[in-house]
């Protein structure tokens, strides 16, 4: 295996990680900013107000996008295992 092939695998791994983790991170950040704006407007600064909606959103996104995430990860692993043969 050459250095170029290893770099291609690492690049693919980073792209897959961004595809899988990106939607969850972006949506939780948007919800966090929205709730922070509401907290600043109402001057209620309770930590659990931001925690609970983020957890519920992450669970919902994992339920909705879980099959796609699993399929993406499987495709990448099949590609990596195929290079081992």
C-alpha atoms as a PDB file:
ATOM      1  CA  UNK A   1       0.000   0.000   0.000  1.00  0.00           C
ATOM      2  CA  UNK A   2       1.455   3.318  -1.025  1.00  0.00           C
ATOM      3  CA  UNK A   3       1.337   6.619   0.793  1.00  0.00           C
ATOM      4  CA  UNK A   4      -1.174   7.947  -1.733  1.00  0.00           C
ATOM      5  CA  UNK A   5      -3.608   5.119  -1.037  1.00  0.00           C
ATOM      6  CA  UNK A   6      -3.341   5.681   2.700  1.00  0.00           C
ATOM      7  CA  UNK A   7      -4.003   9.391   2.224  1.00  0.00           C
ATOM      8  CA  UNK A   8      -7.054   8.592   0.078  1.00  0.00           C
ATOM      9  CA  UNK A   9      -8.419   6.312   2.809  1.00  0.00           C
ATOM     10  CA  UNK A  10      -7.836   8.972   5.469  1.00  0.00           C
ATOM     11  CA  UNK A  11      -9.506  11.633   3.308  1.00  0.00           C
ATOM     12  CA  UNK A  12     -12.475   9.326   2.769  1.00  0.00           C
ATOM     13  CA  UNK A  13     -12.661   8.644   6.511  1.00  0.00           C
ATOM     14  CA  UNK A  14     -12.774  12.362   7.272  1.00  0.00           C
ATOM     15  CA  UNK A  15     -15.487  12.923   4.656  1.00  0.00           C
ATOM     16  CA  UNK A  16     -17.566  10.056   6.090  1.00  0.00           C
ATOM     17  CA  UNK A  17     -17.142  11.415   9.629  1.00  0.00           C
ATOM     18  CA  UNK A  18     -18.310  14.842   8.481  1.00  0.00           C
ATOM     19  CA  UNK A  19     -21.288  13.324   6.627  1.00  0.00           C
ATOM     20  CA  UNK A  20     -22.360  11.316   9.661  1.00  0.00           C
ATOM     21  CA  UNK A  21     -21.674  13.877  12.392  1.00  0.00           C
ATOM     22  CA  UNK A  22     -22.419  17.054  10.457  1.00  0.00           C
ATOM     23  CA  UNK A  23     -26.216  17.052  10.551  1.00  0.00           C
ATOM     24  CA  UNK A  24     -26.322  16.333  14.283  1.00  0.00           C
ATOM     25  CA  UNK A  25     -23.741  18.989  15.129  1.00  0.00           C
ATOM     26  CA  UNK A  26     -25.248  21.679  12.912  1.00  0.00           C
ATOM     27  CA  UNK A  27     -28.812  21.140  14.134  1.00  0.00           C
ATOM     28  CA  UNK A  28     -27.787  21.065  17.789  1.00  0.00           C
ATOM     29  CA  UNK A  29     -25.807  24.271  17.276  1.00  0.00           C
ATOM     30  CA  UNK A  30     -28.807  25.978  15.652  1.00  0.00           C
ATOM     31  CA  UNK A  31     -31.086  24.894  18.504  1.00  0.00           C
ATOM     32  CA  UNK A  32     -28.515  26.060  21.060  1.00  0.00           C
ATOM     33  CA  UNK A  33     -28.235  29.503  19.475  1.00  0.00           C
ATOM     34  CA  UNK A  34     -32.017  29.813  19.224  1.00  0.00           C
ATOM     35  CA  UNK A  35     -32.499  28.894  22.871  1.00  0.00           C
ATOM     36  CA  UNK A  36     -29.659  31.222  23.907  1.00  0.00           C
ATOM     37  CA  UNK A  37     -31.403  34.097  22.160  1.00  0.00           C
ATOM     38  CA  UNK A  38     -34.635  33.261  23.980  1.00  0.00           C
ATOM     39  CA  UNK A  39     -32.767  33.046  27.295  1.00  0.00           C
ATOM     40  CA  UNK A  40     -31.108  36.410  26.690  1.00  0.00           C
ATOM     41  CA  UNK A  41     -34.457  38.003  25.866  1.00  0.00           C
ATOM     42  CA  UNK A  42     -36.234  36.555  28.911  1.00  0.00           C
ATOM     43  CA  UNK A  43     -33.196  36.676  31.242  1.00  0.00           C
ATOM     44  CA  UNK A  44     -33.791  33.081  32.337  1.00  0.00           C
ATOM     45  CA  UNK A  45     -30.417  31.347  32.487  1.00  0.00           C
ATOM     46  CA  UNK A  46     -31.118  27.747  33.350  1.00  0.00           C
ATOM     47  CA  UNK A  47     -28.716  25.088  32.017  1.00  0.00           C
ATOM     48  CA  UNK A  48     -31.343  22.384  31.592  1.00  0.00           C
ATOM     49  CA  UNK A  49     -33.367  24.562  29.224  1.00  0.00           C
ATOM     50  CA  UNK A  50     -30.675  24.146  26.559  1.00  0.00           C
ATOM     51  CA  UNK A  51     -29.744  20.565  27.420  1.00  0.00           C
ATOM     52  CA  UNK A  52     -33.140  18.870  27.097  1.00  0.00           C
ATOM     53  CA  UNK A  53     -34.090  20.194  23.619  1.00  0.00           C
ATOM     54  CA  UNK A  54     -30.635  19.337  22.273  1.00  0.00           C
ATOM     55  CA  UNK A  55     -30.859  15.768  23.557  1.00  0.00           C
ATOM     56  CA  UNK A  56     -34.360  15.358  22.137  1.00  0.00           C
ATOM     57  CA  UNK A  57     -33.214  16.765  18.781  1.00  0.00           C
ATOM     58  CA  UNK A  58     -30.202  14.430  18.660  1.00  0.00           C
ATOM     59  CA  UNK A  59     -32.394  11.411  19.422  1.00  0.00           C
ATOM     60  CA  UNK A  60     -34.865  12.473  16.724  1.00  0.00           C
ATOM     61  CA  UNK A  61     -32.126  13.021  14.126  1.00  0.00           C
ATOM     62  CA  UNK A  62     -30.572   9.641  14.956  1.00  0.00           C
ATOM     63  CA  UNK A  63     -33.943   7.943  14.552  1.00  0.00           C
ATOM     64  CA  UNK A  64     -34.697   9.666  11.251  1.00  0.00           C
ATOM     65  CA  UNK A  65     -31.213   9.632   9.701  1.00  0.00           C
ATOM     66  CA  UNK A  66     -29.903   6.486  11.422  1.00  0.00           C
ATOM     67  CA  UNK A  67     -30.399   4.123   8.465  1.00  0.00           C
ATOM     68  CA  UNK A  68     -28.655   6.548   6.105  1.00  0.00           C
ATOM     69  CA  UNK A  69     -25.774   7.009   8.566  1.00  0.00           C
ATOM     70  CA  UNK A  70     -25.385   3.256   8.956  1.00  0.00           C
ATOM     71  CA  UNK A  71     -25.459   2.720   5.189  1.00  0.00           C
ATOM     72  CA  UNK A  72     -22.804   5.414   4.668  1.00  0.00           C
ATOM     73  CA  UNK A  73     -20.550   3.833   7.282  1.00  0.00           C
ATOM     74  CA  UNK A  74     -21.072   0.357   5.834  1.00  0.00           C
ATOM     75  CA  UNK A  75     -20.188   1.538   2.328  1.00  0.00           C
ATOM     76  CA  UNK A  76     -16.965   3.059   3.640  1.00  0.00           C
ATOM     77  CA  UNK A  77     -16.046  -0.096   5.568  1.00  0.00           C
ATOM     78  CA  UNK A  78     -16.755  -2.292   2.532  1.00  0.00           C
ATOM     79  CA  UNK A  79     -14.445  -0.032   0.532  1.00  0.00           C
ATOM     80  CA  UNK A  80     -11.672  -0.274   3.147  1.00  0.00           C
ATOM     81  CA  UNK A  81     -12.028  -4.045   3.566  1.00  0.00           C
ATOM     82  CA  UNK A  82     -12.033  -4.408  -0.223  1.00  0.00           C
ATOM     83  CA  UNK A  83      -8.623  -2.737  -0.332  1.00  0.00           C
ATOM     84  CA  UNK A  84      -7.259  -5.274   2.148  1.00  0.00           C
ATOM     85  CA  UNK A  85      -7.869  -8.180  -0.207  1.00  0.00           C
END
